[in-house]
Amino acid sequence: MAVRGGETERIRKTALHALSQLRAWGFEPLNLVPVGHGIVERIAEEIRREDLLPTEEKNDSLIITESALLECRILLSGDAHLRGVDFQRLTLLLKDFDVAAPVIATPREIVRKFFR
């Protein structure tokens, strides 16, 4: 996390400021302790092992896993790796863990599809 391990003091201070402002900005920070961090790591690793994401995209696999475990139905992202995940294969993989896959789209795609 950039708060503790940021490359520079400026990055650490910026991360700490952002973290302290999350609620004021309308975000609700979540902790996956009730679900268990172990299951998050396990599913994320399986996503990479099945080549749904490149091995080096650990954070992206964690984002998908955490979103699924939190029962998010839509994951908005401009990240090319996330958007490139094969939804059918992801759905089948997550089904083995009794979790539904979120639809991954850009904010622009959602606006174009539903608000034009």
PDB file of N, CA and C in Angstrom:
ATOM      1  N   MET A   1       0.852  -1.174   0.000  1.00  0.00           N
ATOM      2  CA  MET A   1       0.000   0.000   0.000  1.00  0.00           C
ATOM      3  C   MET A   1       0.897   1.237   0.000  1.00  0.00           C
ATOM      4  N   ALA A   2       0.525   2.217  -0.792  1.00  0.00           N
ATOM      5  CA  ALA A   2       1.343   3.410  -0.960  1.00  0.00           C
ATOM      6  C   ALA A   2       1.508   4.197   0.336  1.00  0.00           C
ATOM      7  N   VAL A   3       0.576   4.035   1.282  1.00  0.00           N
ATOM      8  CA  VAL A   3       0.678   4.765   2.549  1.00  0.00           C
ATOM      9  C   VAL A   3       1.950   4.365   3.291  1.00  0.00           C
ATOM     10  N   ARG A   4       2.268   3.075   3.264  1.00  0.00           N
ATOM     11  CA  ARG A   4       3.449   2.583   3.971  1.00  0.00           C
ATOM     12  C   ARG A   4       4.648   2.375   3.063  1.00  0.00           C
ATOM     13  N   GLY A   5       4.395   1.976   1.818  1.00  0.00           N
ATOM     14  CA  GLY A   5       5.504   1.587   0.962  1.00  0.00           C
ATOM     15  C   GLY A   5       5.690   2.438  -0.268  1.00  0.00           C
ATOM     16  N   GLY A   6       5.160   3.651  -0.269  1.00  0.00           N
ATOM     17  CA  GLY A   6       5.303   4.520  -1.431  1.00  0.00           C
ATOM     18  C   GLY A   6       6.757   4.814  -1.734  1.00  0.00           C
ATOM     19  N   GLU A   7       7.057   5.022  -3.011  1.00  0.00           N
ATOM     20  CA  GLU A   7       8.437   5.223  -3.434  1.00  0.00           C
ATOM     21  C   GLU A   7       9.051   6.501  -2.877  1.00  0.00           C
ATOM     22  N   THR A   8       8.252   7.522  -2.683  1.00  0.00           N
ATOM     23  CA  THR A   8       8.775   8.787  -2.172  1.00  0.00           C
ATOM     24  C   THR A   8       7.890   9.280  -1.030  1.00  0.00           C
ATOM     25  N   GLU A   9       8.424  10.211  -0.294  1.00  0.00           N
ATOM     26  CA  GLU A   9       7.656  10.817   0.801  1.00  0.00           C
ATOM     27  C   GLU A   9       6.394  11.495   0.255  1.00  0.00           C
ATOM     28  N   ARG A  10       6.511  12.133  -0.905  1.00  0.00           N
ATOM     29  CA  ARG A  10       5.365  12.801  -1.525  1.00  0.00           C
ATOM     30  C   ARG A  10       4.254  11.796  -1.848  1.00  0.00           C
ATOM     31  N   ILE A  11       4.623  10.639  -2.385  1.00  0.00           N
ATOM     32  CA  ILE A  11       3.627   9.604  -2.699  1.00  0.00           C
ATOM     33  C   ILE A  11       2.975   9.107  -1.421  1.00  0.00           C
ATOM     34  N   ARG A  12       3.764   8.890  -0.377  1.00  0.00           N
ATOM     35  CA  ARG A  12       3.202   8.423   0.895  1.00  0.00           C
ATOM     36  C   ARG A  12       2.239   9.451   1.475  1.00  0.00           C
ATOM     37  N   LYS A  13       2.611  10.726   1.437  1.00  0.00           N
ATOM     38  CA  LYS A  13       1.738  11.776   1.971  1.00  0.00           C
ATOM     39  C   LYS A  13       0.447  11.891   1.156  1.00  0.00           C
ATOM     40  N   THR A  14       0.571  11.808  -0.154  1.00  0.00           N
ATOM     41  CA  THR A  14      -0.611  11.879  -1.019  1.00  0.00           C
ATOM     42  C   THR A  14      -1.542  10.699  -0.758  1.00  0.00           C
ATOM     43  N   ALA A  15      -0.966   9.505  -0.616  1.00  0.00           N
ATOM     44  CA  ALA A  15      -1.775   8.306  -0.340  1.00  0.00           C
ATOM     45  C   ALA A  15      -2.466   8.419   1.012  1.00  0.00           C
ATOM     46  N   LEU A  16      -1.765   8.903   2.015  1.00  0.00           N
ATOM     47  CA  LEU A  16      -2.346   9.067   3.345  1.00  0.00           C
ATOM     48  C   LEU A  16      -3.485  10.083   3.309  1.00  0.00           C
ATOM     49  N   HIS A  17      -3.294  11.181   2.573  1.00  0.00           N
ATOM     50  CA  HIS A  17      -4.351  12.188   2.439  1.00  0.00           C
ATOM     51  C   HIS A  17      -5.584  11.574   1.764  1.00  0.00           C
ATOM     52  N   ALA A  18      -5.358  10.842   0.667  1.00  0.00           N
ATOM     53  CA  ALA A  18      -6.482  10.213  -0.042  1.00  0.00           C
ATOM     54  C   ALA A  18      -7.215   9.241   0.870  1.00  0.00           C
ATOM     55  N   LEU A  19      -6.466   8.436   1.607  1.00  0.00           N
ATOM     56  CA  LEU A  19      -7.078   7.471   2.517  1.00  0.00           C
ATOM     57  C   LEU A  19      -7.913   8.174   3.581  1.00  0.00           C
ATOM     58  N   SER A  20      -7.409   9.284   4.100  1.00  0.00           N
ATOM     59  CA  SER A  20      -8.137  10.003   5.150  1.00  0.00           C
ATOM     60  C   SER A  20      -9.382  10.714   4.610  1.00  0.00           C
ATOM     61  N   GLN A  21      -9.445  10.953   3.307  1.00  0.00           N
ATOM     62  CA  GLN A  21     -10.566  11.681   2.710  1.00  0.00           C
ATOM     63  C   GLN A  21     -11.624  10.788   2.067  1.00  0.00           C
ATOM     64  N   LEU A  22     -11.418   9.477   2.065  1.00  0.00           N
ATOM     65  CA  LEU A  22     -12.338   8.582   1.359  1.00  0.00           C
ATOM     66  C   LEU A  22     -13.798   8.799   1.736  1.00  0.00           C
ATOM     67  N   ARG A  23     -14.089   8.831   3.007  1.00  0.00           N
ATOM     68  CA  ARG A  23     -15.486   9.007   3.436  1.00  0.00           C
ATOM     69  C   ARG A  23     -16.041  10.365   3.007  1.00  0.00           C
ATOM     70  N   ALA A  24     -15.237  11.409   3.121  1.00  0.00           N
ATOM     71  CA  ALA A  24     -15.678  12.745   2.712  1.00  0.00           C
ATOM     72  C   ALA A  24     -15.991  12.788   1.215  1.00  0.00           C
ATOM     73  N   TRP A  25     -15.297  11.978   0.444  1.00  0.00           N
ATOM     74  CA  TRP A  25     -15.516  11.931  -1.000  1.00  0.00           C
ATOM     75  C   TRP A  25     -16.653  10.980  -1.377  1.00  0.00           C
ATOM     76  N   GLY A  26     -17.296  10.369  -0.396  1.00  0.00           N
ATOM     77  CA  GLY A  26     -18.427   9.492  -0.663  1.00  0.00           C
ATOM     78  C   GLY A  26     -18.078   8.030  -0.868  1.00  0.00           C
ATOM     79  N   PHE A  27     -16.842   7.642  -0.525  1.00  0.00           N
ATOM     80  CA  PHE A  27     -16.434   6.241  -0.655  1.00  0.00           C
ATOM     81  C   PHE A  27     -16.517   5.552   0.695  1.00  0.00           C
ATOM     82  N   GLU A  28     -16.819   4.277   0.667  1.00  0.00           N
ATOM     83  CA  GLU A  28     -16.883   3.480   1.890  1.00  0.00           C
ATOM     84  C   GLU A  28     -15.743   2.464   1.857  1.00  0.00           C
ATOM     85  N   PRO A  29     -14.671   2.706   2.632  1.00  0.00           N
ATOM     86  CA  PRO A  29     -13.567   1.738   2.647  1.00  0.00           C
ATOM     87  C   PRO A  29     -14.049   0.393   3.181  1.00  0.00           C
ATOM     88  N   LEU A  30     -13.571  -0.672   2.579  1.00  0.00           N
ATOM     89  CA  LEU A  30     -13.985  -2.012   2.978  1.00  0.00           C
ATOM     90  C   LEU A  30     -12.781  -2.839   3.381  1.00  0.00           C
ATOM     91  N   ASN A  31     -13.003  -3.727   4.322  1.00  0.00           N
ATOM     92  CA  ASN A  31     -11.975  -4.672   4.733  1.00  0.00           C
ATOM     93  C   ASN A  31     -12.553  -6.064   4.536  1.00  0.00           C
ATOM     94  N   LEU A  32     -11.791  -6.924   3.899  1.00  0.00           N
ATOM     95  CA  LEU A  32     -12.297  -8.257   3.589  1.00  0.00           C
ATOM     96  C   LEU A  32     -12.023  -9.276   4.680  1.00  0.00           C
ATOM     97  N   VAL A  33     -11.713  -8.824   5.897  1.00  0.00           N
ATOM     98  CA  VAL A  33     -11.453  -9.759   6.986  1.00  0.00           C
ATOM     99  C   VAL A  33     -12.624 -10.716   7.208  1.00  0.00           C
ATOM    100  N   PRO A  34     -13.907 -10.245   7.173  1.00  0.00           N
ATOM    101  CA  PRO A  34     -14.996 -11.202   7.368  1.00  0.00           C
ATOM    102  C   PRO A  34     -14.989 -12.327   6.326  1.00  0.00           C
ATOM    103  N   VAL A  35     -14.604 -12.019   5.098  1.00  0.00           N
ATOM    104  CA  VAL A  35     -14.535 -13.039   4.058  1.00  0.00           C
ATOM    105  C   VAL A  35     -13.280 -13.870   4.248  1.00  0.00           C
ATOM    106  N   GLY A  36     -12.209 -13.212   4.570  1.00  0.00           N
ATOM    107  CA  GLY A  36     -10.932 -13.888   4.747  1.00  0.00           C
ATOM    108  C   GLY A  36      -9.988 -13.562   3.612  1.00  0.00           C
ATOM    109  N   HIS A  37      -8.839 -13.014   3.979  1.00  0.00           N
ATOM    110  CA  HIS A  37      -7.856 -12.647   2.961  1.00  0.00           C
ATOM    111  C   HIS A  37      -7.317 -13.876   2.239  1.00  0.00           C
ATOM    112  N   GLY A  38      -7.296 -15.030   2.891  1.00  0.00           N
ATOM    113  CA  GLY A  38      -6.782 -16.246   2.270  1.00  0.00           C
ATOM    114  C   GLY A  38      -7.560 -16.646   1.034  1.00  0.00           C
ATOM    115  N   ILE A  39      -8.874 -16.552   1.086  1.00  0.00           N
ATOM    116  CA  ILE A  39      -9.693 -16.918  -0.068  1.00  0.00           C
ATOM    117  C   ILE A  39      -9.494 -15.922  -1.196  1.00  0.00           C
ATOM    118  N   VAL A  40      -9.273 -14.662  -0.865  1.00  0.00           N
ATOM    119  CA  VAL A  40      -9.009 -13.649  -1.887  1.00  0.00           C
ATOM    120  C   VAL A  40      -7.742 -14.025  -2.653  1.00  0.00           C
ATOM    121  N   GLU A  41      -6.681 -14.322  -1.918  1.00  0.00           N
ATOM    122  CA  GLU A  41      -5.411 -14.708  -2.552  1.00  0.00           C
ATOM    123  C   GLU A  41      -5.581 -15.966  -3.392  1.00  0.00           C
ATOM    124  N   ARG A  42      -6.315 -16.917  -2.882  1.00  0.00           N
ATOM    125  CA  ARG A  42      -6.493 -18.196  -3.581  1.00  0.00           C
ATOM    126  C   ARG A  42      -7.223 -18.015  -4.912  1.00  0.00           C
ATOM    127  N   ILE A  43      -8.315 -17.269  -4.895  1.00  0.00           N
ATOM    128  CA  ILE A  43      -9.070 -17.047  -6.131  1.00  0.00           C
ATOM    129  C   ILE A  43      -8.251 -16.209  -7.112  1.00  0.00           C
ATOM    130  N   ALA A  44      -7.593 -15.166  -6.611  1.00  0.00           N
ATOM    131  CA  ALA A  44      -6.778 -14.310  -7.479  1.00  0.00           C
ATOM    132  C   ALA A  44      -5.668 -15.116  -8.151  1.00  0.00           C
ATOM    133  N   GLU A  45      -5.049 -15.986  -7.395  1.00  0.00           N
ATOM    134  CA  GLU A  45      -3.998 -16.842  -7.951  1.00  0.00           C
ATOM    135  C   GLU A  45      -4.566 -17.755  -9.041  1.00  0.00           C
ATOM    136  N   GLU A  46      -5.749 -18.272  -8.812  1.00  0.00           N
ATOM    137  CA  GLU A  46      -6.390 -19.150  -9.799  1.00  0.00           C
ATOM    138  C   GLU A  46      -6.706 -18.381 -11.087  1.00  0.00           C
ATOM    139  N   ILE A  47      -7.119 -17.135 -10.964  1.00  0.00           N
ATOM    140  CA  ILE A  47      -7.386 -16.293 -12.135  1.00  0.00           C
ATOM    141  C   ILE A  47      -6.121 -16.160 -12.977  1.00  0.00           C
ATOM    142  N   ARG A  48      -4.988 -15.945 -12.322  1.00  0.00           N
ATOM    143  CA  ARG A  48      -3.720 -15.830 -13.047  1.00  0.00           C
ATOM    144  C   ARG A  48      -3.256 -17.184 -13.580  1.00  0.00           C
ATOM    145  N   ARG A  49      -3.435 -18.226 -12.791  1.00  0.00           N
ATOM    146  CA  ARG A  49      -3.002 -19.565 -13.209  1.00  0.00           C
ATOM    147  C   ARG A  49      -3.749 -20.022 -14.459  1.00  0.00           C
ATOM    148  N   GLU A  50      -5.016 -19.651 -14.550  1.00  0.00           N
ATOM    149  CA  GLU A  50      -5.838 -20.011 -15.707  1.00  0.00           C
ATOM    150  C   GLU A  50      -5.636 -19.051 -16.885  1.00  0.00           C
ATOM    151  N   ASP A  51      -4.657 -18.152 -16.766  1.00  0.00           N
ATOM    152  CA  ASP A  51      -4.303 -17.193 -17.823  1.00  0.00           C
ATOM    153  C   ASP A  51      -5.440 -16.251 -18.206  1.00  0.00           C
ATOM    154  N   LEU A  52      -6.327 -15.978 -17.254  1.00  0.00           N
ATOM    155  CA  LEU A  52      -7.330 -14.944 -17.501  1.00  0.00           C
ATOM    156  C   LEU A  52      -6.675 -13.570 -17.424  1.00  0.00           C
ATOM    157  N   LEU A  53      -5.601 -13.495 -16.670  1.00  0.00           N
ATOM    158  CA  LEU A  53      -4.765 -12.301 -16.576  1.00  0.00           C
ATOM    159  C   LEU A  53      -3.308 -12.749 -16.597  1.00  0.00           C
ATOM    160  N   PRO A  54      -2.401 -11.886 -17.074  1.00  0.00           N
ATOM    161  CA  PRO A  54      -0.978 -12.232 -17.017  1.00  0.00           C
ATOM    162  C   PRO A  54      -0.523 -12.418 -15.563  1.00  0.00           C
ATOM    163  N   THR A  55       0.479 -13.248 -15.365  1.00  0.00           N
ATOM    164  CA  THR A  55       0.974 -13.551 -14.021  1.00  0.00           C
ATOM    165  C   THR A  55       1.359 -12.298 -13.251  1.00  0.00           C
ATOM    166  N   GLU A  56       1.933 -11.324 -13.945  1.00  0.00           N
ATOM    167  CA  GLU A  56       2.394 -10.109 -13.257  1.00  0.00           C
ATOM    168  C   GLU A  56       1.249  -9.176 -12.863  1.00  0.00           C
ATOM    169  N   GLU A  57       0.038  -9.463 -13.280  1.00  0.00           N
ATOM    170  CA  GLU A  57      -1.114  -8.609 -12.957  1.00  0.00           C
ATOM    171  C   GLU A  57      -1.805  -9.060 -11.670  1.00  0.00           C
ATOM    172  N   LYS A  58      -1.016  -9.202 -10.618  1.00  0.00           N
ATOM    173  CA  LYS A  58      -1.547  -9.660  -9.332  1.00  0.00           C
ATOM    174  C   LYS A  58      -2.620  -8.707  -8.803  1.00  0.00           C
ATOM    175  N   ASN A  59      -2.331  -7.408  -8.844  1.00  0.00           N
ATOM    176  CA  ASN A  59      -3.303  -6.436  -8.318  1.00  0.00           C
ATOM    177  C   ASN A  59      -4.628  -6.494  -9.073  1.00  0.00           C
ATOM    178  N   ASP A  60      -4.563  -6.651 -10.394  1.00  0.00           N
ATOM    179  CA  ASP A  60      -5.802  -6.748 -11.170  1.00  0.00           C
ATOM    180  C   ASP A  60      -6.602  -7.982 -10.771  1.00  0.00           C
ATOM    181  N   SER A  61      -5.910  -9.102 -10.543  1.00  0.00           N
ATOM    182  CA  SER A  61      -6.629 -10.317 -10.130  1.00  0.00           C
ATOM    183  C   SER A  61      -7.245 -10.138  -8.744  1.00  0.00           C
ATOM    184  N   LEU A  62      -6.574  -9.396  -7.881  1.00  0.00           N
ATOM    185  CA  LEU A  62      -7.132  -9.108  -6.554  1.00  0.00           C
ATOM    186  C   LEU A  62      -8.360  -8.201  -6.664  1.00  0.00           C
ATOM    187  N   ILE A  63      -8.299  -7.227  -7.564  1.00  0.00           N
ATOM    188  CA  ILE A  63      -9.435  -6.317  -7.762  1.00  0.00           C
ATOM    189  C   ILE A  63     -10.669  -7.091  -8.217  1.00  0.00           C
ATOM    190  N   ILE A  64     -10.492  -7.977  -9.184  1.00  0.00           N
ATOM    191  CA  ILE A  64     -11.625  -8.782  -9.664  1.00  0.00           C
ATOM    192  C   ILE A  64     -12.168  -9.653  -8.536  1.00  0.00           C
ATOM    193  N   THR A  65     -11.262 -10.315  -7.818  1.00  0.00           N
ATOM    194  CA  THR A  65     -11.675 -11.221  -6.745  1.00  0.00           C
ATOM    195  C   THR A  65     -12.417 -10.481  -5.645  1.00  0.00           C
ATOM    196  N   GLU A  66     -11.859  -9.368  -5.188  1.00  0.00           N
ATOM    197  CA  GLU A  66     -12.504  -8.605  -4.122  1.00  0.00           C
ATOM    198  C   GLU A  66     -13.865  -8.087  -4.577  1.00  0.00           C
ATOM    199  N   SER A  67     -13.951  -7.629  -5.817  1.00  0.00           N
ATOM    200  CA  SER A  67     -15.231  -7.150  -6.347  1.00  0.00           C
ATOM    201  C   SER A  67     -16.269  -8.264  -6.346  1.00  0.00           C
ATOM    202  N   ALA A  68     -15.860  -9.439  -6.779  1.00  0.00           N
ATOM    203  CA  ALA A  68     -16.783 -10.578  -6.823  1.00  0.00           C
ATOM    204  C   ALA A  68     -17.224 -10.976  -5.419  1.00  0.00           C
ATOM    205  N   LEU A  69     -16.279 -11.045  -4.483  1.00  0.00           N
ATOM    206  CA  LEU A  69     -16.619 -11.439  -3.115  1.00  0.00           C
ATOM    207  C   LEU A  69     -17.507 -10.408  -2.418  1.00  0.00           C
ATOM    208  N   LEU A  70     -17.398  -9.153  -2.837  1.00  0.00           N
ATOM    209  CA  LEU A  70     -18.248  -8.101  -2.275  1.00  0.00           C
ATOM    210  C   LEU A  70     -19.583  -8.002  -3.012  1.00  0.00           C
ATOM    211  N   GLU A  71     -19.813  -8.937  -3.926  1.00  0.00           N
ATOM    212  CA  GLU A  71     -21.049  -9.027  -4.700  1.00  0.00           C
ATOM    213  C   GLU A  71     -21.295  -7.810  -5.582  1.00  0.00           C
ATOM    214  N   CYS A  72     -20.211  -7.198  -6.069  1.00  0.00           N
ATOM    215  CA  CYS A  72     -20.341  -6.113  -7.037  1.00  0.00           C
ATOM    216  C   CYS A  72     -20.814  -6.707  -8.350  1.00  0.00           C
ATOM    217  N   ARG A  73     -21.734  -6.068  -8.992  1.00  0.00           N
ATOM    218  CA  ARG A  73     -22.240  -6.575 -10.266  1.00  0.00           C
ATOM    219  C   ARG A  73     -21.569  -5.897 -11.446  1.00  0.00           C
ATOM    220  N   ILE A  74     -21.090  -4.663 -11.238  1.00  0.00           N
ATOM    221  CA  ILE A  74     -20.386  -3.936 -12.293  1.00  0.00           C
ATOM    222  C   ILE A  74     -19.081  -3.409 -11.715  1.00  0.00           C
ATOM    223  N   LEU A  75     -17.992  -3.651 -12.434  1.00  0.00           N
ATOM    224  CA  LEU A  75     -16.681  -3.134 -12.063  1.00  0.00           C
ATOM    225  C   LEU A  75     -16.277  -2.151 -13.146  1.00  0.00           C
ATOM    226  N   LEU A  76     -16.217  -0.869 -12.796  1.00  0.00           N
ATOM    227  CA  LEU A  76     -15.840   0.159 -13.760  1.00  0.00           C
ATOM    228  C   LEU A  76     -14.336   0.334 -13.747  1.00  0.00           C
ATOM    229  N   SER A  77     -13.730   0.239 -14.931  1.00  0.00           N
ATOM    230  CA  SER A  77     -12.282   0.373 -15.025  1.00  0.00           C
ATOM    231  C   SER A  77     -11.877   0.713 -16.448  1.00  0.00           C
ATOM    232  N   GLY A  78     -10.843   1.510 -16.553  1.00  0.00           N
ATOM    233  CA  GLY A  78     -10.243   1.794 -17.851  1.00  0.00           C
ATOM    234  C   GLY A  78      -9.037   0.910 -18.107  1.00  0.00           C
ATOM    235  N   ASP A  79      -8.716   0.035 -17.168  1.00  0.00           N
ATOM    236  CA  ASP A  79      -7.548  -0.841 -17.271  1.00  0.00           C
ATOM    237  C   ASP A  79      -7.756  -1.877 -18.376  1.00  0.00           C
ATOM    238  N   ALA A  80      -6.833  -1.917 -19.326  1.00  0.00           N
ATOM    239  CA  ALA A  80      -6.964  -2.821 -20.473  1.00  0.00           C
ATOM    240  C   ALA A  80      -6.938  -4.287 -20.063  1.00  0.00           C
ATOM    241  N   HIS A  81      -6.130  -4.634 -19.063  1.00  0.00           N
ATOM    242  CA  HIS A  81      -6.079  -6.033 -18.623  1.00  0.00           C
ATOM    243  C   HIS A  81      -7.420  -6.464 -18.025  1.00  0.00           C
ATOM    244  N   LEU A  82      -7.981  -5.627 -17.179  1.00  0.00           N
ATOM    245  CA  LEU A  82      -9.267  -5.966 -16.567  1.00  0.00           C
ATOM    246  C   LEU A  82     -10.357  -6.082 -17.626  1.00  0.00           C
ATOM    247  N   ARG A  83     -10.393  -5.119 -18.525  1.00  0.00           N
ATOM    248  CA  ARG A  83     -11.437  -5.114 -19.549  1.00  0.00           C
ATOM    249  C   ARG A  83     -11.272  -6.249 -20.547  1.00  0.00           C
ATOM    250  N   GLY A  84     -10.053  -6.784 -20.654  1.00  0.00           N
ATOM    251  CA  GLY A  84      -9.799  -7.857 -21.604  1.00  0.00           C
ATOM    252  C   GLY A  84     -10.066  -9.256 -21.079  1.00  0.00           C
ATOM    253  N   VAL A  85     -10.483  -9.371 -19.828  1.00  0.00           N
ATOM    254  CA  VAL A  85     -10.742 -10.691 -19.242  1.00  0.00           C
ATOM    255  C   VAL A  85     -11.924 -11.354 -19.947  1.00  0.00           C
ATOM    256  N   ASP A  86     -11.765 -12.620 -20.270  1.00  0.00           N
ATOM    257  CA  ASP A  86     -12.834 -13.403 -20.897  1.00  0.00           C
ATOM    258  C   ASP A  86     -13.934 -13.625 -19.853  1.00  0.00           C
ATOM    259  N   PHE A  87     -15.071 -12.949 -20.033  1.00  0.00           N
ATOM    260  CA  PHE A  87     -16.140 -12.979 -19.035  1.00  0.00           C
ATOM    261  C   PHE A  87     -16.691 -14.386 -18.820  1.00  0.00           C
ATOM    262  N   GLN A  88     -16.853 -15.142 -19.892  1.00  0.00           N
ATOM    263  CA  GLN A  88     -17.401 -16.500 -19.744  1.00  0.00           C
ATOM    264  C   GLN A  88     -16.462 -17.393 -18.937  1.00  0.00           C
ATOM    265  N   ARG A  89     -15.170 -17.328 -19.244  1.00  0.00           N
ATOM    266  CA  ARG A  89     -14.206 -18.141 -18.495  1.00  0.00           C
ATOM    267  C   ARG A  89     -14.131 -17.693 -17.040  1.00  0.00           C
ATOM    268  N   LEU A  90     -14.175 -16.372 -16.812  1.00  0.00           N
ATOM    269  CA  LEU A  90     -14.148 -15.854 -15.444  1.00  0.00           C
ATOM    270  C   LEU A  90     -15.385 -16.320 -14.683  1.00  0.00           C
ATOM    271  N   THR A  91     -16.537 -16.268 -15.329  1.00  0.00           N
ATOM    272  CA  THR A  91     -17.781 -16.716 -14.700  1.00  0.00           C
ATOM    273  C   THR A  91     -17.686 -18.173 -14.273  1.00  0.00           C
ATOM    274  N   LEU A  92     -17.164 -19.017 -15.143  1.00  0.00           N
ATOM    275  CA  LEU A  92     -17.016 -20.441 -14.815  1.00  0.00           C
ATOM    276  C   LEU A  92     -16.034 -20.658 -13.670  1.00  0.00           C
ATOM    277  N   LEU A  93     -14.921 -19.942 -13.703  1.00  0.00           N
ATOM    278  CA  LEU A  93     -13.927 -20.080 -12.637  1.00  0.00           C
ATOM    279  C   LEU A  93     -14.517 -19.657 -11.293  1.00  0.00           C
ATOM    280  N   LEU A  94     -15.165 -18.501 -11.258  1.00  0.00           N
ATOM    281  CA  LEU A  94     -15.715 -17.996  -9.996  1.00  0.00           C
ATOM    282  C   LEU A  94     -16.884 -18.837  -9.500  1.00  0.00           C
ATOM    283  N   LYS A  95     -17.590 -19.477 -10.419  1.00  0.00           N
ATOM    284  CA  LYS A  95     -18.702 -20.345 -10.026  1.00  0.00           C
ATOM    285  C   LYS A  95     -18.209 -21.474  -9.121  1.00  0.00           C
ATOM    286  N   ASP A  96     -16.987 -21.955  -9.366  1.00  0.00           N
ATOM    287  CA  ASP A  96     -16.403 -23.002  -8.515  1.00  0.00           C
ATOM    288  C   ASP A  96     -16.226 -22.534  -7.072  1.00  0.00           C
ATOM    289  N   PHE A  97     -16.178 -21.213  -6.878  1.00  0.00           N
ATOM    290  CA  PHE A  97     -16.036 -20.632  -5.541  1.00  0.00           C
ATOM    291  C   PHE A  97     -17.362 -20.059  -5.037  1.00  0.00           C
ATOM    292  N   ASP A  98     -18.447 -20.357  -5.743  1.00  0.00           N
ATOM    293  CA  ASP A  98     -19.785 -19.850  -5.394  1.00  0.00           C
ATOM    294  C   ASP A  98     -19.852 -18.329  -5.377  1.00  0.00           C
ATOM    295  N   VAL A  99     -19.219 -17.720  -6.369  1.00  0.00           N
ATOM    296  CA  VAL A  99     -19.193 -16.264  -6.484  1.00  0.00           C
ATOM    297  C   VAL A  99     -19.549 -15.899  -7.926  1.00  0.00           C
ATOM    298  N   ALA A 100     -20.279 -14.801  -8.099  1.00  0.00           N
ATOM    299  CA  ALA A 100     -20.635 -14.324  -9.438  1.00  0.00           C
ATOM    300  C   ALA A 100     -19.587 -13.338  -9.944  1.00  0.00           C
ATOM    301  N   ALA A 101     -19.325 -13.384 -11.230  1.00  0.00           N
ATOM    302  CA  ALA A 101     -18.359 -12.469 -11.846  1.00  0.00           C
ATOM    303  C   ALA A 101     -19.006 -11.111 -12.093  1.00  0.00           C
ATOM    304  N   PRO A 102     -18.290 -10.035 -11.789  1.00  0.00           N
ATOM    305  CA  PRO A 102     -18.816  -8.713 -12.129  1.00  0.00           C
ATOM    306  C   PRO A 102     -18.638  -8.440 -13.620  1.00  0.00           C
ATOM    307  N   VAL A 103     -19.544  -7.689 -14.195  1.00  0.00           N
ATOM    308  CA  VAL A 103     -19.366  -7.201 -15.562  1.00  0.00           C
ATOM    309  C   VAL A 103     -18.311  -6.108 -15.485  1.00  0.00           C
ATOM    310  N   ILE A 104     -17.317  -6.169 -16.360  1.00  0.00           N
ATOM    311  CA  ILE A 104     -16.235  -5.186 -16.338  1.00  0.00           C
ATOM    312  C   ILE A 104     -16.398  -4.272 -17.547  1.00  0.00           C
ATOM    313  N   ALA A 105     -16.529  -2.976 -17.291  1.00  0.00           N
ATOM    314  CA  ALA A 105     -16.748  -2.002 -18.360  1.00  0.00           C
ATOM    315  C   ALA A 105     -16.108  -0.675 -17.974  1.00  0.00           C
ATOM    316  N   THR A 106     -15.918   0.175 -18.969  1.00  0.00           N
ATOM    317  CA  THR A 106     -15.439   1.525 -18.679  1.00  0.00           C
ATOM    318  C   THR A 106     -16.642   2.393 -18.327  1.00  0.00           C
ATOM    319  N   PRO A 107     -16.416   3.474 -17.592  1.00  0.00           N
ATOM    320  CA  PRO A 107     -17.523   4.398 -17.331  1.00  0.00           C
ATOM    321  C   PRO A 107     -18.153   4.892 -18.642  1.00  0.00           C
ATOM    322  N   ARG A 108     -17.326   5.145 -19.641  1.00  0.00           N
ATOM    323  CA  ARG A 108     -17.826   5.619 -20.931  1.00  0.00           C
ATOM    324  C   ARG A 108     -18.779   4.599 -21.564  1.00  0.00           C
ATOM    325  N   GLU A 109     -18.432   3.308 -21.488  1.00  0.00           N
ATOM    326  CA  GLU A 109     -19.306   2.270 -22.046  1.00  0.00           C
ATOM    327  C   GLU A 109     -20.669   2.265 -21.355  1.00  0.00           C
ATOM    328  N   ILE A 110     -20.674   2.431 -20.055  1.00  0.00           N
ATOM    329  CA  ILE A 110     -21.939   2.446 -19.306  1.00  0.00           C
ATOM    330  C   ILE A 110     -22.778   3.656 -19.702  1.00  0.00           C
ATOM    331  N   VAL A 111     -22.143   4.822 -19.788  1.00  0.00           N
ATOM    332  CA  VAL A 111     -22.867   6.040 -20.168  1.00  0.00           C
ATOM    333  C   VAL A 111     -23.443   5.893 -21.571  1.00  0.00           C
ATOM    334  N   ARG A 112     -22.629   5.411 -22.502  1.00  0.00           N
ATOM    335  CA  ARG A 112     -23.110   5.244 -23.882  1.00  0.00           C
ATOM    336  C   ARG A 112     -24.276   4.267 -23.964  1.00  0.00           C
ATOM    337  N   LYS A 113     -24.181   3.190 -23.207  1.00  0.00           N
ATOM    338  CA  LYS A 113     -25.205   2.148 -23.304  1.00  0.00           C
ATOM    339  C   LYS A 113     -26.513   2.537 -22.616  1.00  0.00           C
ATOM    340  N   PHE A 114     -26.433   3.232 -21.486  1.00  0.00           N
ATOM    341  CA  PHE A 114     -27.636   3.446 -20.676  1.00  0.00           C
ATOM    342  C   PHE A 114     -28.098   4.898 -20.550  1.00  0.00           C
ATOM    343  N   PHE A 115     -27.287   5.858 -20.950  1.00  0.00           N
ATOM    344  CA  PHE A 115     -27.657   7.246 -20.689  1.00  0.00           C
ATOM    345  C   PHE A 115     -27.627   8.127 -21.929  1.00  0.00           C
ATOM    346  N   ARG A 116     -27.836   7.571 -23.072  1.00  0.00           N
ATOM    347  CA  ARG A 116     -27.881   8.381 -24.298  1.00  0.00           C
ATOM    348  C   ARG A 116     -29.278   8.541 -24.779  1.00  0.00           C
TER     349      ARG A 116
END
